[in-house]
Protein backbone atom coordinates (compact mmCIF):
# COMPACT_ATOMS: atom_id res chain seq x y z
CA MET A 1 0.00 0.02 0.01
CA ILE A 2 1.32 3.35 -1.01
CA GLN A 3 1.31 6.02 1.41
CA GLU A 4 0.88 9.50 0.49
CA LYS A 5 2.66 12.41 1.82
CA MET A 6 0.70 15.17 2.93
CA THR A 7 1.95 18.65 1.64
CA VAL A 8 2.42 21.27 4.22
CA PRO A 9 0.26 23.99 2.33
CA ALA A 10 -2.35 21.43 2.07
CA ALA A 11 -2.04 20.54 5.82
CA LEU A 12 -1.94 24.58 6.76
CA LEU A 13 -5.00 25.23 4.49
CA THR A 14 -7.13 22.41 6.32
CA LEU A 15 -5.77 23.91 9.85
CA LEU A 16 -6.83 27.46 8.94
CA MET A 17 -10.15 26.18 7.54
CA MET A 18 -11.11 24.16 10.71
CA ILE A 19 -10.25 27.25 12.85
CA MET A 20 -11.98 29.67 10.85
CA GLY A 21 -15.16 27.06 10.74
CA LEU A 22 -15.00 26.75 14.81
CA ALA A 23 -14.88 30.52 15.04
CA HIS A 24 -17.55 31.37 12.29
CA PHE A 25 -20.06 29.10 14.05
CA GLU A 26 -19.04 30.22 17.39
CA ILE A 27 -18.06 26.55 18.53
CA ILE A 28 -15.09 28.44 20.14
CA ASP A 29 -15.68 31.54 22.29
CA LEU A 30 -14.27 35.25 21.76
CA TYR A 31 -11.74 34.60 24.71
CA THR A 32 -10.19 31.31 22.79
CA GLN A 33 -9.94 33.11 19.84
CA THR A 34 -8.13 35.91 21.07
CA ILE A 35 -5.69 33.43 22.72
CA ILE A 36 -5.24 31.92 19.09
CA LEU A 37 -4.45 35.39 17.62
CA PHE A 38 -1.99 35.98 20.36
CA ILE A 39 -0.28 32.73 19.71
CA GLY A 40 0.19 33.66 15.93
CA ILE A 41 1.44 37.08 16.91
CA ASN A 42 3.94 36.15 19.21
CA ILE A 43 5.34 33.38 16.87
CA ILE A 44 5.88 36.35 14.39
CA ILE A 45 7.52 38.21 17.34
CA SER A 46 9.80 35.53 18.66
CA SER A 47 10.74 34.09 14.95
CA SER A 48 11.86 37.72 14.16
CA LEU A 49 13.66 38.54 17.19
CA ASN A 50 15.59 34.79 16.76
CA LEU A 51 16.84 35.99 13.38
CA VAL A 52 19.43 38.39 14.99
CA ASN A 53 19.78 36.97 18.40
CA GLY A 54 19.89 33.51 17.38
CA HIS A 55 21.24 32.96 13.85
CA MET A 56 23.01 35.75 13.57
CA GLY A 57 24.82 35.71 16.99
CA GLU A 58 24.10 39.74 17.95
CA PHE A 59 22.04 40.80 21.09
CA SER A 60 19.07 42.85 20.64
CA CYS A 61 17.16 43.76 23.38
CA GLY A 62 14.69 46.64 22.11
CA HIS A 63 12.54 44.72 19.84
CA ALA A 64 9.39 46.27 20.95
CA GLY A 65 10.48 49.71 19.86
CA PHE A 66 9.76 48.29 16.24
CA ILE A 67 6.51 46.31 17.12
CA ALA A 68 5.27 50.04 18.27
CA VAL A 69 6.46 51.29 14.91
CA GLY A 70 4.40 49.14 13.37
CA ALA A 71 1.60 49.06 15.24
CA TYR A 72 1.18 52.77 15.02
CA VAL A 73 1.83 53.09 11.56
CA SER A 74 -0.72 50.46 10.27
CA SER A 75 -3.12 52.17 13.22
CA ILE A 76 -2.85 55.42 11.66
CA LEU A 77 -3.41 54.49 7.86
CA SER A 78 -6.24 52.01 8.49
CA VAL A 79 -8.27 54.78 10.47
CA ALA A 80 -7.31 57.47 8.45
CA LEU A 81 -8.39 55.56 5.24
CA PHE A 82 -11.29 53.75 6.11
CA THR A 83 -13.20 55.16 9.04
CA GLN A 84 -14.70 58.62 10.28
CA ASP A 85 -12.35 60.03 12.90
CA ARG A 86 -12.29 63.15 15.10
CA VAL A 87 -8.35 64.05 14.06
CA PHE A 88 -8.30 62.98 10.42
CA GLY A 89 -11.87 63.46 9.57
CA ALA A 90 -14.17 61.77 6.93
CA PRO A 91 -12.43 58.32 5.64
CA LEU A 92 -10.61 58.91 2.36
CA LEU A 93 -11.56 55.59 0.77
CA PRO A 94 -14.73 53.61 1.31
CA PRO A 95 -14.79 51.50 4.33
CA ALA A 96 -16.04 48.34 2.22
CA TYR A 97 -12.11 48.61 0.75
CA ALA A 98 -10.66 47.55 3.92
CA ALA A 99 -11.15 43.90 3.34
CA LEU A 100 -8.65 43.93 0.49
CA ALA A 101 -6.30 47.03 1.53
CA PHE A 102 -5.40 45.43 5.14
CA PRO A 103 -2.57 43.40 3.90
CA LEU A 104 -1.11 46.11 2.05
CA ILE A 105 -1.67 48.53 5.49
CA ILE A 106 0.28 45.96 7.49
CA PHE A 107 2.72 45.74 4.92
CA ALA A 108 3.32 49.39 5.50
CA GLY A 109 3.38 49.17 8.86
CA GLY A 110 6.50 46.59 8.36
CA LEU A 111 8.28 48.91 5.85
CA ALA A 112 8.10 51.90 8.47
CA ALA A 113 9.46 49.77 11.28
CA ALA A 114 12.43 48.03 8.71
CA PHE A 115 13.21 51.76 8.06
CA ALA A 116 13.40 52.49 11.91
CA GLY A 117 15.61 49.21 12.12
CA LEU A 118 18.04 50.85 9.19
CA LEU A 119 18.48 53.87 11.32
CA VAL A 120 19.33 51.72 14.51
CA ALA A 121 21.73 49.42 12.69
CA LEU A 122 23.70 51.95 10.83
CA PRO A 123 25.29 53.27 13.60
CA SER A 124 25.19 50.08 15.66
CA PHE A 125 27.09 47.48 13.16
CA LYS A 126 30.07 50.00 13.15
CA THR A 127 30.67 48.57 16.54
CA ARG A 128 31.34 45.19 17.98
CA GLY A 129 30.41 43.42 20.86
CA ASP A 130 27.39 43.90 23.35
CA TYR A 131 26.86 47.90 22.01
CA LEU A 132 24.01 46.55 19.88
CA ALA A 133 22.27 45.81 22.96
CA ILE A 134 22.82 49.15 24.70
CA ILE A 135 21.83 51.08 21.37
CA THR A 136 18.43 48.72 20.91
CA ILE A 137 17.18 49.37 24.55
CA ALA A 138 17.95 53.31 23.92
CA ALA A 139 15.95 53.09 20.35
CA ASN A 140 13.09 51.22 22.42
CA TYR A 141 13.07 54.10 24.82
CA ILE A 142 13.34 56.90 22.11
CA ILE A 143 10.64 55.43 19.96
CA ILE A 144 8.00 55.19 23.08
CA THR A 145 9.06 58.80 24.05
CA LEU A 146 8.27 60.30 20.53
CA ILE A 147 5.02 58.45 20.58
CA ILE A 148 3.85 59.88 24.01
CA ASN A 149 4.78 63.36 22.92
CA ILE A 150 2.90 63.45 19.58
CA ASP A 151 -0.75 64.46 21.14
CA LYS A 152 -2.37 64.04 17.47
CA ILE A 153 -2.03 60.22 17.89
CA GLY A 154 -3.26 60.33 21.78
CA GLY A 155 0.35 60.65 23.21
CA ALA A 156 0.22 58.62 26.50
CA ARG A 157 -3.51 58.25 26.42
CA GLY A 158 -2.99 56.02 23.44
CA PHE A 159 -4.60 55.48 20.06
CA MET A 160 -7.75 53.69 19.06
CA GLY A 161 -10.46 53.07 16.20
CA MET A 162 -9.09 50.10 14.52
CA LYS A 163 -11.98 48.01 15.98
CA ARG A 164 -14.10 49.86 13.24
CA VAL A 165 -11.74 48.93 10.45
CA VAL A 166 -12.42 45.36 11.22
CA MET A 167 -16.04 46.06 11.75
CA ALA A 168 -16.12 47.31 8.16
CA MET A 169 -14.55 44.18 6.76
CA GLU A 170 -17.08 42.22 8.43
CA GLU A 171 -19.70 44.23 6.61
CA VAL A 172 -18.10 42.63 3.23
CA ALA A 173 -18.18 39.11 4.44
CA GLU A 174 -19.05 37.65 8.18
CA ILE A 175 -15.95 35.66 8.34
CA PRO A 176 -13.49 36.08 11.15
CA TRP A 177 -11.11 37.99 9.32
CA MET A 178 -8.64 38.59 12.07
CA ILE A 179 -8.36 34.88 12.21
CA LEU A 180 -7.65 34.76 8.44
CA TRP A 181 -4.98 37.68 8.33
CA VAL A 182 -2.95 36.70 11.44
CA PHE A 183 -2.72 32.79 10.35
CA LEU A 184 -1.63 34.07 6.56
CA PHE A 185 0.81 36.36 7.89
CA THR A 186 2.25 34.08 10.49
CA VAL A 187 2.80 31.32 8.13
CA LEU A 188 4.23 33.86 5.12
CA VAL A 189 6.54 35.28 8.05
CA VAL A 190 7.92 31.77 9.24
CA MET A 191 8.43 30.71 5.68
CA ALA A 192 10.01 33.72 4.75
CA ILE A 193 12.86 33.47 7.78
CA ARG A 194 13.07 29.61 6.78
CA ARG A 195 13.97 30.86 3.12
CA PHE A 196 16.13 33.55 4.24
CA VAL A 197 17.91 31.54 6.50
CA SER A 198 18.74 28.76 4.06
CA SER A 199 19.74 31.16 1.18
CA THR A 200 23.23 32.91 0.51
CA TYR A 201 22.58 35.59 2.83
CA GLY A 202 21.52 33.17 5.61
CA LYS A 203 24.31 31.26 5.32
CA GLY A 204 26.50 34.61 5.69
CA ILE A 205 24.76 35.53 9.06
CA ILE A 206 25.49 32.07 10.00
CA ALA A 207 29.16 32.28 9.26
CA ILE A 208 28.92 35.84 11.12
CA GLN A 209 27.29 34.04 14.16
CA GLN A 210 30.03 31.21 14.26
CA ASP A 211 33.23 33.69 13.68
CA GLU A 212 32.82 37.53 12.25
CA VAL A 213 36.64 37.65 11.57
CA ALA A 214 36.90 34.48 9.83
CA ALA A 215 33.76 35.29 7.40
CA GLU A 216 35.48 38.42 6.86
CA ILE A 217 38.60 36.95 5.77
CA MET A 218 36.42 34.63 3.60
CA SER A 219 35.06 37.89 1.91
CA VAL A 220 31.66 37.80 3.57
CA ASN A 221 30.31 41.41 3.24
CA THR A 222 29.82 41.27 7.23
CA ASN A 223 28.21 44.78 7.55
CA LYS A 224 25.76 44.46 4.55
CA MET A 225 24.83 41.14 5.67
CA LYS A 226 24.20 42.18 9.36
CA LEU A 227 22.29 45.05 7.91
CA ILE A 228 19.90 43.13 5.57
CA ALA A 229 19.04 40.60 8.68
CA PHE A 230 18.64 43.27 11.14
CA MET A 231 16.22 45.07 8.88
CA LEU A 232 14.19 41.92 8.06
CA SER A 233 13.71 41.08 11.77
CA SER A 234 12.63 44.84 12.59
CA GLY A 235 10.01 44.78 9.57
CA LEU A 236 8.89 41.71 10.48
CA ALA A 237 8.03 42.95 14.14
CA GLY A 238 6.30 45.87 12.92
CA VAL A 239 3.92 43.08 11.09
CA ALA A 240 3.49 41.87 14.10
CA GLY A 241 2.64 45.19 15.56
CA GLY A 242 0.03 46.09 12.95
CA LEU A 243 -1.74 42.60 13.53
CA TYR A 244 -1.90 43.27 17.68
CA ALA A 245 -2.98 46.53 17.11
CA HIS A 246 -5.99 45.34 14.92
CA VAL A 247 -6.67 42.46 17.40
CA VAL A 248 -6.72 44.92 20.58
CA GLY A 249 -8.21 47.58 18.82
CA TYR A 250 -6.15 49.90 20.94
CA VAL A 251 -2.32 50.75 21.43
CA ASN A 252 -0.54 52.37 24.11
CA PRO A 253 2.91 53.42 24.17
CA LYS A 254 3.39 51.29 27.48
CA SER A 255 2.21 48.39 25.84
CA PHE A 256 5.71 48.48 23.94
CA ASP A 257 8.04 49.01 26.78
CA ILE A 258 10.96 47.47 27.83
CA LEU A 259 8.73 44.38 29.53
CA LYS A 260 7.71 43.54 25.83
CA SER A 261 10.81 43.44 24.55
CA THR A 262 11.85 41.19 27.47
CA GLU A 263 8.81 39.05 26.71
CA ALA A 264 10.17 38.84 23.12
CA LEU A 265 13.78 37.72 24.59
CA VAL A 266 12.08 34.99 26.82
CA MET A 267 10.46 33.30 24.03
CA VAL A 268 13.63 33.55 22.14
CA TYR A 269 15.98 31.75 24.67
CA LEU A 270 12.85 29.59 25.83
CA GLY A 271 12.46 27.97 22.42
CA GLY A 272 16.37 27.90 21.40
CA MET A 273 18.75 30.05 19.70
CA GLY A 274 18.62 29.55 15.89
CA SER A 275 15.77 27.23 16.05
CA ILE A 276 12.76 28.40 13.73
CA THR A 277 11.03 25.44 15.14
CA GLY A 278 12.13 26.50 18.90
CA SER A 279 10.56 29.88 18.14
CA VAL A 280 6.93 28.63 17.27
CA LEU A 281 6.95 26.37 20.23
CA SER A 282 8.05 28.85 22.90
CA ALA A 283 5.24 31.24 21.54
CA VAL A 284 2.68 29.00 21.87
CA PHE A 285 4.00 27.54 25.27
CA PHE A 286 4.80 31.17 26.84
CA THR A 287 1.41 32.72 25.28
CA LEU A 288 -0.54 29.82 27.05
CA LEU A 289 1.51 30.36 30.27
CA LEU A 290 0.81 33.76 30.39
CA GLU A 291 -2.88 33.23 30.14
CA ALA A 292 -2.76 30.14 33.00
CA LEU A 293 -1.09 32.48 35.15
CA ARG A 294 -3.10 35.66 34.38
CA PRO A 295 -5.19 35.36 37.78
CA LEU A 296 -1.86 35.61 39.90
CA GLN A 297 -1.72 39.50 37.96
CA ILE A 298 1.42 40.80 39.03
CA ILE A 299 2.77 38.00 40.84
CA LYS A 300 3.24 36.07 37.48
CA TRP A 301 6.19 38.21 36.58
CA ILE A 302 7.84 36.60 39.76
CA VAL A 303 6.65 33.09 38.53
CA ILE A 304 7.54 33.11 34.86
CA PRO A 305 11.11 34.34 35.73
CA LEU A 306 11.66 31.80 38.15
CA LEU A 307 10.49 29.32 35.67
CA LEU A 308 12.65 30.44 33.29
CA ILE A 309 15.82 30.52 36.12
CA ILE A 310 15.04 26.63 36.51
CA LEU A 311 14.89 25.71 32.42
CA MET A 312 18.18 27.66 32.15
CA GLN A 313 19.63 25.56 35.10
CA PHE A 314 18.43 22.21 33.62
CA ARG A 315 18.44 22.84 29.69
CA PRO A 316 20.34 26.31 29.04
CA GLU A 317 20.21 25.72 25.18
CA GLY A 318 16.43 25.89 25.49
CA ILE A 319 13.66 23.41 24.55
CA MET A 320 14.96 22.99 20.85
CA GLY A 321 18.66 23.99 20.90
CA HIS A 322 19.86 24.86 17.36
CA ARG A 323 17.89 21.74 16.06
CA GLU A 324 14.66 21.95 13.87
CA LEU A 325 11.67 19.56 14.71
CA GLY A 326 13.00 17.31 11.51
CA ASP A 327 16.33 16.98 13.20
CA ILE A 328 14.79 15.40 16.26
CA PHE A 329 12.14 13.59 14.74
CA PRO A 330 13.40 12.31 11.11
CA ARG A 331 10.90 10.03 10.58
CA LEU A 332 8.03 12.75 10.80
CA LYS A 333 9.66 13.55 7.12
CA LYS A 334 7.78 10.37 5.66
CA PHE A 335 4.52 12.12 6.30
CA TYR A 336 4.72 15.33 4.75
CA ARG A 337 6.69 17.27 1.85
CA PHE A 338 7.42 20.85 1.13
CA LYS A 339 6.13 22.28 -1.90
């Protein structure tokens, strides 16, 4: 009997249809849907930061700043284009177009975050060592301070109106749009990182991670490689920010402070440095852990670091180390194929 392998795109499409069906017929409630959405967003955040900290071997600590840039840029664009707002006035386009234009808005937020990443990377990569960590923390604070001092977008009060854009999409078709978009962007981001890591540029940044001096001797343009990887990482963080803003419907500068950057770092080190599978697993585990400990309120930020310390004691390389799922369970490959 010949055993047919299932292609990964077919498996993902089946999973998407199943989740959307469960959400559409209200078999899973809004709370469960929100957790699923946060899992997708955290997968993007974790895997994008792992590109710099894991695959490239640098140490970025201010990822939340780029998430904030993407969140605010995409939120301002969607509210100004498709809704009546007290600051931006009448919508510039019919609200029904929101369903089609939403991916472009998220992409614009990602581009803005990538540009912010370029501004940080240019001075950072002229130095070596731990300077990137210090500069990215400073960039995180600068971005948050700039947002707080722009009163047009709510300043410290925050910015809202994105729920009206999501509602405008539901007037076109009554489907769970945010589940669709978050799922698609999560899959595209993971695939993009996988392709990038296995490309010539990816091999270049892995060479930098192993020995930057040796990579330079072997004619690897290390500054260019690091710049591209950092911009890609920042841009993908901006994509996560745009999705987060439209899921929550409200953004506030405090949502993107150093605590958010710490969450991203915890997910990267929990999953394993340089492992895409590890980033996905840690994002799922960390999101569920946060929800399970939510009743403890502020005490959860004592419990979670303690759990992380215990993990570092017994498994310092994280859940997956540098390996992918296929490396640990090679027999799984006979059940699927990539196309």
